[in-house]
Amino acid sequence: MAGGTEQVLVGGGEAHARQPDEQALAAGARIGDASPVDGKTALFRAAVLGHADAVRLLLERGADRDARGNDGRTALEIVDVARADERDPRVAAGLDRVAAALRVPEGRR
């Protein structure tokens, strides 16, 4: 992550994604830090990996659901494209949960 904070957000599988993220945030990881390579934040990474719990945590902590990577797309737009191409029902269901979390307006949980 940029800015000298080297904490890793977005851990392993869905069941374990929230705990490492909470630990990284407690250790000083910054939610809005974007990769210098593609301009994507932890929210993008969690979203494309299908980690709905991590996406919700990041949004609760202030992640910008409208942020755009260097390609000009939001996390939701990337998830929608990935979902359209996904054939594995379990992966598709995870992406559906992520898309739902990204679509829920703040304050309406």
N, C-alpha and C. Protein backbone atom coordinates (compact mmCIF):
# COMPACT_ATOMS: atom_id res chain seq x y z
N MET A 1 0.84 -1.19 0.00
CA MET A 1 0.00 0.00 0.00
C MET A 1 0.87 1.24 0.00
N ALA A 2 0.35 2.30 -0.52
CA ALA A 2 1.09 3.55 -0.60
C ALA A 2 1.21 4.19 0.76
N GLY A 3 2.06 5.19 0.86
CA GLY A 3 2.16 5.96 2.08
C GLY A 3 2.95 5.29 3.18
N GLY A 4 3.69 4.23 2.87
CA GLY A 4 4.54 3.60 3.85
C GLY A 4 3.84 2.61 4.76
N THR A 5 2.56 2.46 4.66
CA THR A 5 1.85 1.49 5.49
C THR A 5 1.86 0.17 4.75
N GLU A 6 2.50 -0.82 5.33
CA GLU A 6 2.67 -2.09 4.64
C GLU A 6 1.78 -3.19 5.21
N GLN A 7 0.68 -2.83 5.81
CA GLN A 7 -0.25 -3.83 6.33
C GLN A 7 -1.04 -4.41 5.15
N VAL A 8 -1.34 -5.68 5.23
CA VAL A 8 -2.06 -6.35 4.16
C VAL A 8 -3.54 -6.42 4.50
N LEU A 9 -4.36 -5.91 3.62
CA LEU A 9 -5.80 -6.05 3.75
C LEU A 9 -6.25 -7.13 2.79
N VAL A 10 -7.28 -7.83 3.14
CA VAL A 10 -7.91 -8.90 2.37
C VAL A 10 -7.11 -10.18 2.53
N GLY A 11 -7.57 -10.98 3.47
CA GLY A 11 -6.89 -12.22 3.81
C GLY A 11 -7.31 -13.39 2.95
N GLY A 12 -7.41 -14.55 3.58
CA GLY A 12 -7.69 -15.80 2.88
C GLY A 12 -9.12 -15.93 2.43
N GLY A 13 -9.71 -17.10 2.64
CA GLY A 13 -11.07 -17.37 2.19
C GLY A 13 -12.11 -16.51 2.88
N GLU A 14 -13.31 -16.54 2.38
CA GLU A 14 -14.40 -15.71 2.90
C GLU A 14 -14.57 -15.84 4.40
N ALA A 15 -14.49 -17.05 4.90
CA ALA A 15 -14.71 -17.25 6.34
C ALA A 15 -13.63 -16.59 7.18
N HIS A 16 -12.46 -16.36 6.60
CA HIS A 16 -11.34 -15.80 7.35
C HIS A 16 -10.98 -14.38 6.91
N ALA A 17 -11.66 -13.84 5.93
CA ALA A 17 -11.27 -12.56 5.35
C ALA A 17 -11.45 -11.40 6.33
N ARG A 18 -12.49 -11.39 7.11
CA ARG A 18 -12.77 -10.25 7.97
C ARG A 18 -11.74 -10.11 9.09
N GLN A 19 -11.33 -11.20 9.73
CA GLN A 19 -10.40 -11.10 10.85
C GLN A 19 -9.05 -10.52 10.46
N PRO A 20 -8.37 -11.01 9.40
CA PRO A 20 -7.10 -10.38 9.03
C PRO A 20 -7.27 -8.90 8.66
N ASP A 21 -8.39 -8.57 8.02
CA ASP A 21 -8.62 -7.18 7.66
C ASP A 21 -8.77 -6.32 8.90
N GLU A 22 -9.50 -6.81 9.90
CA GLU A 22 -9.66 -6.06 11.15
C GLU A 22 -8.31 -5.87 11.82
N GLN A 23 -7.48 -6.91 11.81
CA GLN A 23 -6.15 -6.82 12.41
C GLN A 23 -5.28 -5.81 11.65
N ALA A 24 -5.32 -5.84 10.34
CA ALA A 24 -4.52 -4.91 9.55
C ALA A 24 -4.98 -3.47 9.78
N LEU A 25 -6.29 -3.27 9.86
CA LEU A 25 -6.81 -1.92 10.12
C LEU A 25 -6.38 -1.44 11.50
N ALA A 26 -6.44 -2.32 12.49
CA ALA A 26 -6.02 -1.96 13.84
C ALA A 26 -4.54 -1.62 13.88
N ALA A 27 -3.75 -2.23 13.00
CA ALA A 27 -2.31 -1.99 12.96
C ALA A 27 -1.94 -0.77 12.13
N GLY A 28 -2.93 -0.11 11.54
CA GLY A 28 -2.65 1.14 10.84
C GLY A 28 -2.81 1.11 9.33
N ALA A 29 -3.27 0.01 8.76
CA ALA A 29 -3.49 0.00 7.32
C ALA A 29 -4.55 1.05 6.97
N ARG A 30 -4.35 1.71 5.86
CA ARG A 30 -5.30 2.76 5.45
C ARG A 30 -6.18 2.25 4.32
N ILE A 31 -7.45 2.39 4.49
CA ILE A 31 -8.44 1.84 3.57
C ILE A 31 -8.33 2.44 2.18
N GLY A 32 -8.05 3.70 2.08
CA GLY A 32 -8.05 4.37 0.79
C GLY A 32 -6.77 4.26 0.01
N ASP A 33 -5.74 3.62 0.56
CA ASP A 33 -4.48 3.49 -0.16
C ASP A 33 -4.69 2.68 -1.43
N ALA A 34 -4.20 3.22 -2.53
CA ALA A 34 -4.35 2.55 -3.82
C ALA A 34 -3.00 2.05 -4.32
N SER A 35 -3.04 0.97 -5.04
CA SER A 35 -1.83 0.42 -5.64
C SER A 35 -1.28 1.40 -6.67
N PRO A 36 0.02 1.65 -6.65
CA PRO A 36 0.59 2.54 -7.67
C PRO A 36 0.55 1.91 -9.06
N VAL A 37 0.38 0.60 -9.12
CA VAL A 37 0.37 -0.11 -10.41
C VAL A 37 -0.95 0.07 -11.15
N ASP A 38 -2.07 -0.15 -10.43
CA ASP A 38 -3.37 -0.12 -11.10
C ASP A 38 -4.39 0.82 -10.47
N GLY A 39 -4.01 1.49 -9.38
CA GLY A 39 -4.90 2.45 -8.75
C GLY A 39 -6.03 1.82 -7.96
N LYS A 40 -5.94 0.52 -7.71
CA LYS A 40 -7.02 -0.17 -7.01
C LYS A 40 -6.71 -0.27 -5.52
N THR A 41 -7.77 -0.23 -4.72
CA THR A 41 -7.67 -0.28 -3.26
C THR A 41 -8.00 -1.69 -2.76
N ALA A 42 -7.93 -1.87 -1.46
CA ALA A 42 -8.29 -3.14 -0.85
C ALA A 42 -9.74 -3.51 -1.17
N LEU A 43 -10.60 -2.52 -1.32
CA LEU A 43 -12.00 -2.79 -1.66
C LEU A 43 -12.09 -3.54 -2.99
N PHE A 44 -11.31 -3.12 -3.97
CA PHE A 44 -11.31 -3.80 -5.26
C PHE A 44 -10.85 -5.24 -5.10
N ARG A 45 -9.78 -5.44 -4.33
CA ARG A 45 -9.22 -6.78 -4.15
C ARG A 45 -10.23 -7.70 -3.46
N ALA A 46 -10.83 -7.21 -2.39
CA ALA A 46 -11.82 -8.01 -1.67
C ALA A 46 -13.01 -8.33 -2.58
N ALA A 47 -13.42 -7.34 -3.35
CA ALA A 47 -14.59 -7.52 -4.22
C ALA A 47 -14.35 -8.57 -5.29
N VAL A 48 -13.27 -8.47 -6.00
CA VAL A 48 -13.02 -9.40 -7.10
C VAL A 48 -12.73 -10.81 -6.60
N LEU A 49 -12.28 -10.94 -5.36
CA LEU A 49 -12.04 -12.26 -4.78
C LEU A 49 -13.32 -12.85 -4.17
N GLY A 50 -14.41 -12.08 -4.18
CA GLY A 50 -15.68 -12.58 -3.68
C GLY A 50 -15.81 -12.57 -2.17
N HIS A 51 -15.05 -11.72 -1.49
CA HIS A 51 -15.06 -11.65 -0.03
C HIS A 51 -16.08 -10.61 0.45
N ALA A 52 -17.35 -10.99 0.48
CA ALA A 52 -18.42 -10.05 0.84
C ALA A 52 -18.25 -9.50 2.25
N ASP A 53 -17.83 -10.34 3.21
CA ASP A 53 -17.64 -9.85 4.58
C ASP A 53 -16.54 -8.79 4.62
N ALA A 54 -15.46 -9.00 3.91
CA ALA A 54 -14.38 -8.02 3.87
C ALA A 54 -14.84 -6.74 3.19
N VAL A 55 -15.63 -6.86 2.13
CA VAL A 55 -16.17 -5.68 1.44
C VAL A 55 -17.03 -4.87 2.41
N ARG A 56 -17.91 -5.56 3.15
CA ARG A 56 -18.76 -4.85 4.11
C ARG A 56 -17.92 -4.17 5.20
N LEU A 57 -16.90 -4.86 5.70
CA LEU A 57 -16.02 -4.27 6.71
C LEU A 57 -15.34 -3.01 6.16
N LEU A 58 -14.80 -3.11 4.97
CA LEU A 58 -14.11 -1.96 4.39
C LEU A 58 -15.07 -0.79 4.18
N LEU A 59 -16.28 -1.08 3.75
CA LEU A 59 -17.27 -0.01 3.57
C LEU A 59 -17.65 0.60 4.92
N GLU A 60 -17.81 -0.25 5.94
CA GLU A 60 -18.13 0.25 7.29
C GLU A 60 -17.03 1.18 7.79
N ARG A 61 -15.81 0.90 7.40
CA ARG A 61 -14.66 1.68 7.86
C ARG A 61 -14.33 2.86 6.95
N GLY A 62 -15.17 3.10 5.96
CA GLY A 62 -15.01 4.30 5.15
C GLY A 62 -14.46 4.13 3.75
N ALA A 63 -14.35 2.90 3.26
CA ALA A 63 -13.88 2.70 1.89
C ALA A 63 -14.85 3.39 0.92
N ASP A 64 -14.30 3.93 -0.13
CA ASP A 64 -15.08 4.66 -1.13
C ASP A 64 -15.58 3.71 -2.20
N ARG A 65 -16.88 3.40 -2.17
CA ARG A 65 -17.44 2.47 -3.15
C ARG A 65 -17.43 3.06 -4.56
N ASP A 66 -17.25 4.37 -4.67
CA ASP A 66 -17.24 5.02 -5.99
C ASP A 66 -15.83 5.27 -6.52
N ALA A 67 -14.80 4.83 -5.79
CA ALA A 67 -13.43 5.01 -6.24
C ALA A 67 -13.23 4.26 -7.56
N ARG A 68 -12.37 4.81 -8.39
CA ARG A 68 -12.08 4.20 -9.69
C ARG A 68 -10.59 3.89 -9.79
N GLY A 69 -10.31 2.73 -10.34
CA GLY A 69 -8.92 2.35 -10.59
C GLY A 69 -8.41 3.11 -11.80
N ASN A 70 -7.17 2.84 -12.16
CA ASN A 70 -6.58 3.51 -13.32
C ASN A 70 -7.32 3.19 -14.62
N ASP A 71 -8.07 2.10 -14.63
CA ASP A 71 -8.85 1.74 -15.81
C ASP A 71 -10.19 2.48 -15.88
N GLY A 72 -10.48 3.30 -14.86
CA GLY A 72 -11.70 4.09 -14.84
C GLY A 72 -12.93 3.37 -14.31
N ARG A 73 -12.76 2.12 -13.87
CA ARG A 73 -13.91 1.35 -13.39
C ARG A 73 -13.95 1.28 -11.87
N THR A 74 -15.17 1.19 -11.33
CA THR A 74 -15.37 1.01 -9.89
C THR A 74 -15.28 -0.48 -9.56
N ALA A 75 -15.22 -0.78 -8.28
CA ALA A 75 -15.20 -2.18 -7.84
C ALA A 75 -16.46 -2.90 -8.31
N LEU A 76 -17.60 -2.24 -8.21
CA LEU A 76 -18.86 -2.86 -8.64
C LEU A 76 -18.83 -3.16 -10.14
N GLU A 77 -18.32 -2.26 -10.92
CA GLU A 77 -18.24 -2.51 -12.37
C GLU A 77 -17.36 -3.71 -12.67
N ILE A 78 -16.26 -3.85 -11.96
CA ILE A 78 -15.36 -4.98 -12.16
C ILE A 78 -16.03 -6.28 -11.73
N VAL A 79 -16.73 -6.24 -10.60
CA VAL A 79 -17.45 -7.43 -10.13
C VAL A 79 -18.54 -7.83 -11.11
N ASP A 80 -19.26 -6.86 -11.65
CA ASP A 80 -20.31 -7.17 -12.61
C ASP A 80 -19.75 -7.88 -13.85
N VAL A 81 -18.60 -7.44 -14.34
CA VAL A 81 -17.96 -8.07 -15.49
C VAL A 81 -17.50 -9.48 -15.13
N ALA A 82 -16.87 -9.62 -13.97
CA ALA A 82 -16.40 -10.94 -13.54
C ALA A 82 -17.58 -11.90 -13.38
N ARG A 83 -18.66 -11.40 -12.83
CA ARG A 83 -19.85 -12.23 -12.59
C ARG A 83 -20.45 -12.71 -13.90
N ALA A 84 -20.48 -11.85 -14.89
CA ALA A 84 -21.06 -12.21 -16.18
C ALA A 84 -20.29 -13.36 -16.84
N ASP A 85 -19.00 -13.46 -16.56
CA ASP A 85 -18.15 -14.49 -17.16
C ASP A 85 -18.01 -15.74 -16.30
N GLU A 86 -18.45 -15.68 -15.05
CA GLU A 86 -18.21 -16.78 -14.10
C GLU A 86 -19.14 -17.97 -14.35
N ARG A 87 -18.56 -19.17 -14.40
CA ARG A 87 -19.34 -20.39 -14.62
C ARG A 87 -19.48 -21.23 -13.34
N ASP A 88 -18.60 -21.04 -12.39
CA ASP A 88 -18.64 -21.82 -11.14
C ASP A 88 -19.73 -21.24 -10.24
N PRO A 89 -20.74 -22.02 -9.89
CA PRO A 89 -21.86 -21.50 -9.09
C PRO A 89 -21.45 -20.94 -7.73
N ARG A 90 -20.46 -21.56 -7.09
CA ARG A 90 -20.02 -21.05 -5.77
C ARG A 90 -19.33 -19.70 -5.91
N VAL A 91 -18.48 -19.56 -6.91
CA VAL A 91 -17.79 -18.29 -7.13
C VAL A 91 -18.81 -17.23 -7.53
N ALA A 92 -19.75 -17.61 -8.40
CA ALA A 92 -20.79 -16.67 -8.84
C ALA A 92 -21.61 -16.18 -7.65
N ALA A 93 -21.95 -17.08 -6.73
CA ALA A 93 -22.73 -16.70 -5.55
C ALA A 93 -21.93 -15.71 -4.69
N GLY A 94 -20.64 -15.93 -4.55
CA GLY A 94 -19.79 -14.99 -3.80
C GLY A 94 -19.76 -13.63 -4.45
N LEU A 95 -19.65 -13.60 -5.76
CA LEU A 95 -19.65 -12.32 -6.48
C LEU A 95 -21.01 -11.63 -6.36
N ASP A 96 -22.09 -12.42 -6.35
CA ASP A 96 -23.43 -11.84 -6.15
C ASP A 96 -23.53 -11.17 -4.78
N ARG A 97 -22.98 -11.82 -3.75
CA ARG A 97 -23.01 -11.24 -2.40
C ARG A 97 -22.19 -9.94 -2.36
N VAL A 98 -21.05 -9.94 -3.03
CA VAL A 98 -20.23 -8.74 -3.08
C VAL A 98 -20.97 -7.61 -3.79
N ALA A 99 -21.56 -7.92 -4.93
CA ALA A 99 -22.29 -6.89 -5.68
C ALA A 99 -23.41 -6.31 -4.85
N ALA A 100 -24.13 -7.16 -4.11
CA ALA A 100 -25.21 -6.67 -3.24
C ALA A 100 -24.66 -5.74 -2.17
N ALA A 101 -23.52 -6.10 -1.59
CA ALA A 101 -22.91 -5.24 -0.56
C ALA A 101 -22.48 -3.90 -1.14
N LEU A 102 -21.96 -3.92 -2.35
CA LEU A 102 -21.51 -2.68 -2.98
C LEU A 102 -22.68 -1.80 -3.40
N ARG A 103 -23.83 -2.41 -3.66
CA ARG A 103 -25.00 -1.64 -4.09
C ARG A 103 -25.79 -1.05 -2.93
N VAL A 104 -25.64 -1.59 -1.74
CA VAL A 104 -26.41 -1.11 -0.59
C VAL A 104 -25.91 0.28 -0.21
N PRO A 105 -26.78 1.28 -0.24
CA PRO A 105 -26.34 2.62 0.16
C PRO A 105 -25.95 2.66 1.62
N GLU A 106 -24.95 3.46 1.95
CA GLU A 106 -24.52 3.60 3.34
C GLU A 106 -25.70 4.06 4.19
N GLY A 107 -25.78 3.54 5.41
CA GLY A 107 -26.87 3.90 6.30
C GLY A 107 -28.13 3.07 6.12
N ARG A 108 -28.11 2.15 5.15
CA ARG A 108 -29.27 1.29 4.90
C ARG A 108 -28.92 -0.17 5.09
N ARG A 109 -28.18 -0.50 6.15
CA ARG A 109 -27.78 -1.90 6.39
C ARG A 109 -28.61 -2.49 7.45
